[in-house]
Amino acid sequence: MIQRISLLIVFLFVTIIGQAQEEEKKSSSGFFKIIDSLFIDHDLSNYSARIFSNYKVKQFRILNDDYRSRYVPNNKSGVGFGVANSKLLIDIAFNIKSGNKQATDRFDAQGSLIIGKHNYVSFYLQTYNGFNIRNNFDEPDVFRKDIKSSTVGFNYLYTFSEIEFSYALLKAGLPTKKKKVHISGGVGTFAVFDSFKSDGNILTENGEQYFNDEAAIEKYSGRAVGILGGFLSQFVITDRFIATCNLMPGIALMNKKVQLENGSYRPSNPMLYKLDVSLALAYNVKRFYVNLIYGTGIYSTNLDFDNKYLFNLSMGKLAIGYKLKVKK
């Protein structure tokens, strides 16, 4: 069902863009011109069709100074197809499920776009049902279908120099500035809503021996808004090989609520700390390109009573693209 909805969204998006172009010709207002300049690239040589394999996972941890319980989903890999241009990348993935493992039901959408020349936006929307519980205190791994986790958020970065060398262009197989080393930075903001819940407490059957009563959580939710900085870099290794490394540390105030089996409380420490890292390597020839990308975002906050909560979003992707037109 989610796959069909994704296809419908892409179809509607393309239809709306086409209608907007037609309306622009008829309209005397500047609204559609603004939409056109922000999202529509009229140069066919900037477009490519792509196929890819990917690895996506959201996992989280409950931990204290000595012990941790880690919650990891199954069926992390997928394959898919997409289209990219200089301003927008749309990829649709189909999750691969193993017949030997209990499946995690999931919807995982992540994307990024460039608005103008200095504004980089990324977003994510994830719901996962079913997690393996792994630990460091010699209890066996357990799969819990009743554990559900949801996360939605975005990052916005204003860059001090034009975004001509960001890995958003690299992902689309497009040329970037030819300086051997190009380093820049920026500032911005981010927001995130994150939650999990389960039937009964989230620890394993014997897990309560290693944690205090306040770690026997049935439901958790947190909303955060904060500021971030960005460090962006590009390295031209050869005429065909390009690598990038991007870092975005951030800090936020978070409103949190923890529900236990017998009552609830709000953690007194409002701080959330995060670090986003993305690495990419691209090989580009006249008509084709290949890129390998890895990104991870780590978020950490305190739940009081010596308990901490940490979650991270990770994605790896290998893509092969074919350029629809080549400039002569």
Protein backbone atom coordinates (compact mmCIF):
# COMPACT_ATOMS: atom_id res chain seq x y z
CA MET A 1 0.00 0.00 0.00
CA ILE A 2 2.77 2.46 0.92
CA GLN A 3 4.58 1.69 -2.33
CA ARG A 4 1.43 2.47 -4.32
CA ILE A 5 0.97 5.72 -2.42
CA SER A 6 4.58 6.67 -3.15
CA LEU A 7 4.06 6.08 -6.86
CA LEU A 8 0.87 8.14 -6.75
CA ILE A 9 2.67 11.01 -5.01
CA VAL A 10 5.38 11.04 -7.67
CA PHE A 11 2.77 10.97 -10.45
CA LEU A 12 0.86 13.84 -8.87
CA PHE A 13 4.08 15.79 -8.35
CA VAL A 14 5.05 15.46 -12.00
CA THR A 15 1.51 16.36 -13.09
CA ILE A 16 1.40 19.45 -10.88
CA ILE A 17 4.79 20.61 -12.15
CA GLY A 18 3.60 20.20 -15.73
CA GLN A 19 0.43 22.12 -15.02
CA ALA A 20 2.41 24.85 -13.27
CA GLN A 21 4.55 25.30 -16.37
CA GLU A 22 1.44 25.67 -18.54
CA GLU A 23 -0.16 28.07 -16.11
CA GLU A 24 2.99 30.16 -15.98
CA LYS A 25 2.55 30.94 -19.66
CA LYS A 26 -0.99 32.13 -19.00
CA SER A 27 -0.51 33.90 -15.70
CA SER A 28 0.63 37.49 -15.32
CA SER A 29 1.56 36.94 -11.66
CA GLY A 30 5.04 35.96 -10.54
CA PHE A 31 3.99 33.04 -8.33
CA PHE A 32 4.60 30.30 -10.89
CA LYS A 33 7.82 31.96 -11.95
CA ILE A 34 9.03 31.61 -8.38
CA ILE A 35 8.03 27.93 -8.29
CA ASP A 36 9.70 27.44 -11.65
CA SER A 37 12.98 29.02 -10.58
CA LEU A 38 13.13 27.10 -7.32
CA PHE A 39 12.24 23.57 -8.42
CA ILE A 40 12.14 23.22 -12.23
CA ASP A 41 15.26 22.74 -14.33
CA HIS A 42 14.57 23.24 -18.04
CA ASP A 43 17.95 21.88 -19.17
CA LEU A 44 17.47 18.21 -20.07
CA SER A 45 21.21 17.60 -19.75
CA ASN A 46 20.81 18.08 -16.00
CA TYR A 47 18.40 15.14 -15.72
CA SER A 48 19.22 11.48 -15.18
CA ALA A 49 17.37 8.23 -14.58
CA ARG A 50 18.84 5.98 -11.89
CA ILE A 51 18.65 2.57 -10.29
CA PHE A 52 20.05 1.85 -6.85
CA SER A 53 20.37 -0.45 -3.90
CA ASN A 54 20.15 1.00 -0.43
CA TYR A 55 20.43 0.32 3.27
CA LYS A 56 18.20 2.26 5.65
CA VAL A 57 17.76 1.80 9.35
CA LYS A 58 16.49 3.64 12.38
CA GLN A 59 17.60 2.15 15.68
CA PHE A 60 17.55 3.39 19.25
CA ARG A 61 19.06 2.57 22.63
CA ILE A 62 18.17 2.78 26.30
CA LEU A 63 21.37 2.83 28.35
CA ASN A 64 22.95 3.65 31.67
CA ASP A 65 26.61 3.75 32.73
CA ASP A 66 27.01 -0.04 32.54
CA TYR A 67 24.30 -1.60 30.38
CA ARG A 68 22.38 -0.95 27.17
CA SER A 69 19.40 -2.34 25.30
CA ARG A 70 19.54 -1.75 21.56
CA TYR A 71 16.47 -1.90 19.33
CA VAL A 72 17.27 -2.84 15.72
CA PRO A 73 14.82 -3.50 12.85
CA ASN A 74 14.96 -6.35 10.33
CA ASN A 75 14.92 -6.11 6.49
CA LYS A 76 17.17 -3.08 6.25
CA SER A 77 17.96 -3.33 2.51
CA GLY A 78 16.06 -2.36 -0.61
CA VAL A 79 16.27 -1.69 -4.34
CA GLY A 80 14.66 1.03 -6.38
CA PHE A 81 14.68 3.58 -9.15
CA GLY A 82 14.48 7.35 -9.40
CA VAL A 83 15.06 10.56 -11.29
CA ALA A 84 17.41 13.43 -10.45
CA ASN A 85 18.11 16.93 -11.66
CA SER A 86 20.15 19.88 -10.42
CA LYS A 87 17.54 20.86 -7.81
CA LEU A 88 15.59 17.78 -6.81
CA LEU A 89 16.16 14.06 -6.31
CA ILE A 90 13.27 11.58 -6.15
CA ASP A 91 14.04 7.92 -5.39
CA ILE A 92 11.46 5.18 -4.80
CA ALA A 93 12.70 2.07 -2.97
CA PHE A 94 11.17 -1.36 -2.46
CA ASN A 95 12.14 -3.11 0.75
CA ILE A 96 13.64 -6.61 0.61
CA LYS A 97 12.24 -9.01 3.22
CA SER A 98 13.98 -12.21 4.28
CA GLY A 99 11.84 -15.32 4.63
CA ASN A 100 14.01 -16.47 7.54
CA LYS A 101 13.36 -13.46 9.76
CA GLN A 102 10.32 -11.82 11.25
CA ALA A 103 9.67 -8.73 9.20
CA THR A 104 9.71 -5.17 10.44
CA ASP A 105 6.83 -3.22 8.91
CA ARG A 106 8.23 0.11 7.89
CA PHE A 107 7.86 3.32 5.95
CA ASP A 108 11.08 5.27 5.52
CA ALA A 109 11.18 8.42 3.39
CA GLN A 110 14.24 10.66 3.26
CA GLY A 111 15.04 13.44 0.84
CA SER A 112 16.86 16.68 0.20
CA LEU A 113 16.56 19.68 -2.08
CA ILE A 114 18.34 22.92 -2.85
CA ILE A 115 16.38 26.18 -2.83
CA GLY A 116 18.17 29.01 -4.56
CA LYS A 117 21.96 28.92 -4.21
CA HIS A 118 22.46 29.01 -0.45
CA ASN A 119 19.62 26.97 1.10
CA TYR A 120 19.95 23.24 1.73
CA VAL A 121 16.97 21.35 3.18
CA SER A 122 16.75 17.68 4.16
CA PHE A 123 13.82 15.84 5.69
CA TYR A 124 12.84 12.38 6.92
CA LEU A 125 9.67 10.54 7.89
CA GLN A 126 9.93 7.07 9.43
CA THR A 127 7.62 4.56 11.08
CA TYR A 128 8.91 1.14 12.13
CA ASN A 129 6.90 -1.70 13.70
CA GLY A 130 8.89 -4.63 15.10
CA PHE A 131 12.40 -4.59 16.58
CA ASN A 132 15.09 -7.01 17.69
CA ILE A 133 16.26 -6.27 21.22
CA ARG A 134 19.99 -6.74 21.63
CA ASN A 135 21.98 -6.09 24.79
CA ASN A 136 25.40 -6.29 26.40
CA PHE A 137 24.35 -8.31 29.47
CA ASP A 138 24.22 -11.81 27.95
CA GLU A 139 20.47 -12.10 27.56
CA PRO A 140 19.33 -13.68 24.26
CA ASP A 141 18.12 -11.46 21.43
CA VAL A 142 14.34 -11.12 21.24
CA PHE A 143 12.11 -9.88 18.40
CA ARG A 144 9.20 -7.76 19.63
CA LYS A 145 6.47 -7.06 17.07
CA ASP A 146 4.66 -4.75 19.51
CA ILE A 147 7.41 -2.10 19.58
CA LYS A 148 6.67 0.85 17.30
CA SER A 149 8.93 3.82 16.64
CA SER A 150 8.13 7.01 14.67
CA THR A 151 10.39 9.90 13.73
CA VAL A 152 9.84 12.98 11.60
CA GLY A 153 12.16 15.94 11.18
CA PHE A 154 14.06 18.31 8.95
CA ASN A 155 17.36 20.18 8.72
CA TYR A 156 17.82 23.60 7.15
CA LEU A 157 21.26 25.01 6.40
CA TYR A 158 22.12 28.42 4.96
CA THR A 159 25.56 28.19 3.37
CA PHE A 160 27.98 31.11 3.27
CA SER A 161 28.96 30.28 -0.31
CA GLU A 162 26.90 28.97 -3.20
CA ILE A 163 25.94 25.29 -3.08
CA GLU A 164 27.83 24.32 -6.21
CA PHE A 165 29.85 21.54 -4.66
CA SER A 166 27.40 19.88 -2.30
CA TYR A 167 26.82 16.14 -2.52
CA ALA A 168 23.26 16.86 -3.66
CA LEU A 169 24.71 17.63 -7.10
CA LEU A 170 27.11 14.74 -6.80
CA LYS A 171 24.17 12.38 -6.20
CA ALA A 172 22.58 13.57 -9.43
CA GLY A 173 25.77 12.91 -11.42
CA LEU A 174 26.23 16.58 -12.28
CA PRO A 175 29.51 18.48 -12.56
CA THR A 176 30.60 20.65 -9.67
CA LYS A 177 33.29 23.24 -9.24
CA LYS A 178 36.68 22.02 -10.34
CA LYS A 179 38.73 23.37 -7.45
CA LYS A 180 40.83 20.54 -6.01
CA VAL A 181 39.64 21.30 -2.48
CA HIS A 182 36.60 23.39 -1.65
CA ILE A 183 35.51 23.92 1.94
CA SER A 184 32.63 26.03 3.21
CA GLY A 185 30.18 26.18 6.05
CA GLY A 186 26.88 27.55 7.18
CA VAL A 187 24.35 27.89 9.97
CA GLY A 188 20.74 26.82 10.25
CA THR A 189 18.05 25.17 12.28
CA PHE A 190 16.45 21.77 12.73
CA ALA A 191 13.39 20.20 14.31
CA VAL A 192 12.55 16.63 15.21
CA PHE A 193 9.67 14.69 16.71
CA ASP A 194 10.54 11.22 17.95
CA SER A 195 8.54 8.58 19.82
CA PHE A 196 8.31 4.90 20.62
CA LYS A 197 5.79 2.71 22.42
CA SER A 198 5.16 -0.93 23.25
CA ASP A 199 2.68 -3.27 24.89
CA GLY A 200 4.10 -3.42 28.39
CA ASN A 201 7.55 -2.05 29.15
CA ILE A 202 10.19 -1.96 26.45
CA LEU A 203 12.83 -4.02 28.29
CA THR A 204 13.34 -7.75 27.79
CA GLU A 205 11.95 -10.20 30.32
CA ASN A 206 15.07 -10.13 32.49
CA GLY A 207 16.16 -6.64 31.45
CA GLU A 208 14.78 -5.01 34.58
CA GLN A 209 17.59 -6.63 36.57
CA TYR A 210 20.07 -4.31 34.84
CA PHE A 211 18.11 -1.05 34.84
CA ASN A 212 16.18 0.95 37.40
CA ASP A 213 12.37 1.20 37.48
CA GLU A 214 12.38 4.42 35.43
CA ALA A 215 13.83 2.54 32.44
CA ALA A 216 10.79 0.24 32.22
CA ILE A 217 9.23 2.56 29.64
CA GLU A 218 5.95 1.88 27.89
CA LYS A 219 5.84 5.08 25.85
CA TYR A 220 8.22 7.92 25.08
CA SER A 221 7.80 11.09 23.05
CA GLY A 222 10.00 14.12 22.45
CA ARG A 223 9.76 17.32 20.42
CA ALA A 224 12.85 19.42 19.77
CA VAL A 225 13.81 22.62 17.97
CA GLY A 226 17.39 23.76 17.77
CA ILE A 227 20.27 25.30 15.88
CA LEU A 228 22.98 23.65 13.82
CA GLY A 229 26.19 24.42 12.05
CA GLY A 230 27.44 22.93 8.82
CA PHE A 231 30.86 22.05 7.47
CA LEU A 232 30.82 21.14 3.76
CA SER A 233 33.80 19.95 1.74
CA GLN A 234 34.61 18.61 -1.71
CA PHE A 235 37.80 16.91 -2.89
CA VAL A 236 38.48 16.45 -6.62
CA ILE A 237 40.65 13.33 -6.69
CA THR A 238 40.83 13.04 -10.51
CA ASP A 239 38.81 14.42 -13.39
CA ARG A 240 36.32 11.59 -12.87
CA PHE A 241 36.49 10.92 -9.12
CA ILE A 242 35.01 13.33 -6.58
CA ALA A 243 34.57 12.86 -2.83
CA THR A 244 32.64 14.91 -0.30
CA CYS A 245 32.36 15.04 3.47
CA ASN A 246 29.64 17.00 5.28
CA LEU A 247 29.26 17.49 9.04
CA MET A 248 26.30 19.12 10.80
CA PRO A 249 26.46 19.26 14.61
CA GLY A 250 23.48 20.70 16.44
CA ILE A 251 21.96 21.41 19.83
CA ALA A 252 18.29 21.75 20.75
CA LEU A 253 15.78 22.12 23.56
CA MET A 254 13.50 19.09 23.81
CA ASN A 255 10.16 18.63 25.51
CA LYS A 256 10.04 14.97 26.61
CA LYS A 257 7.51 12.72 28.28
CA VAL A 258 8.07 9.21 29.62
CA GLN A 259 5.20 6.87 30.47
CA LEU A 260 5.90 3.94 32.78
CA GLU A 261 3.78 0.99 33.86
CA ASN A 262 2.87 2.91 37.01
CA GLY A 263 2.76 6.60 36.18
CA SER A 264 4.69 9.05 34.02
CA TYR A 265 7.24 11.84 34.32
CA ARG A 266 8.90 14.59 32.27
CA PRO A 267 12.71 14.51 32.24
CA SER A 268 14.14 17.71 33.71
CA ASN A 269 17.15 17.96 31.36
CA PRO A 270 15.85 19.51 28.10
CA MET A 271 19.04 19.25 26.05
CA LEU A 272 19.32 17.25 22.82
CA TYR A 273 22.63 16.86 21.01
CA LYS A 274 23.02 15.66 17.45
CA LEU A 275 25.63 15.06 14.79
CA ASP A 276 24.87 14.38 11.12
CA VAL A 277 27.63 12.99 8.92
CA SER A 278 27.50 12.28 5.19
CA LEU A 279 30.24 10.86 2.97
CA ALA A 280 30.11 10.34 -0.78
CA LEU A 281 32.31 9.10 -3.58
CA ALA A 282 31.33 9.57 -7.24
CA TYR A 283 32.67 8.36 -10.57
CA ASN A 284 31.39 10.31 -13.56
CA VAL A 285 31.76 9.67 -17.29
CA LYS A 286 30.08 11.30 -20.28
CA ARG A 287 26.74 9.47 -20.13
CA PHE A 288 26.84 7.43 -16.92
CA TYR A 289 27.71 7.94 -13.29
CA VAL A 290 28.12 5.79 -10.20
CA ASN A 291 28.00 7.08 -6.65
CA LEU A 292 28.33 5.57 -3.22
CA ILE A 293 26.86 7.52 -0.32
CA TYR A 294 26.71 6.92 3.42
CA GLY A 295 24.99 9.14 5.95
CA THR A 296 24.14 8.87 9.61
CA GLY A 297 22.48 11.11 12.18
CA ILE A 298 23.02 10.53 15.89
CA TYR A 299 20.74 12.12 18.50
CA SER A 300 21.28 11.86 22.25
CA THR A 301 19.30 13.10 25.26
CA ASN A 302 19.02 12.41 29.00
CA LEU A 303 15.99 10.72 30.58
CA ASP A 304 17.06 11.45 34.20
CA PHE A 305 17.60 8.73 36.85
CA ASP A 306 20.94 7.85 35.18
CA ASN A 307 19.14 6.69 32.02
CA LYS A 308 19.97 7.98 28.54
CA TYR A 309 18.22 7.68 25.21
CA LEU A 310 20.06 7.63 21.90
CA PHE A 311 18.74 7.08 18.40
CA ASN A 312 20.36 7.21 15.01
CA LEU A 313 19.21 7.24 11.41
CA SER A 314 21.57 5.63 8.90
CA MET A 315 21.48 5.28 5.14
CA GLY A 316 23.83 3.82 2.57
CA LYS A 317 23.19 3.86 -1.17
CA LEU A 318 24.90 2.65 -4.33
CA ALA A 319 23.37 4.28 -7.43
CA ILE A 320 23.98 3.96 -11.17
CA GLY A 321 22.64 6.79 -13.30
CA TYR A 322 22.09 7.41 -16.99
CA LYS A 323 22.06 11.03 -18.20
CA LEU A 324 19.14 11.80 -20.48
CA LYS A 325 21.12 14.26 -22.59
CA VAL A 326 24.78 15.18 -22.93
CA LYS A 327 25.96 18.69 -23.70
CA LYS A 328 27.97 18.90 -26.87
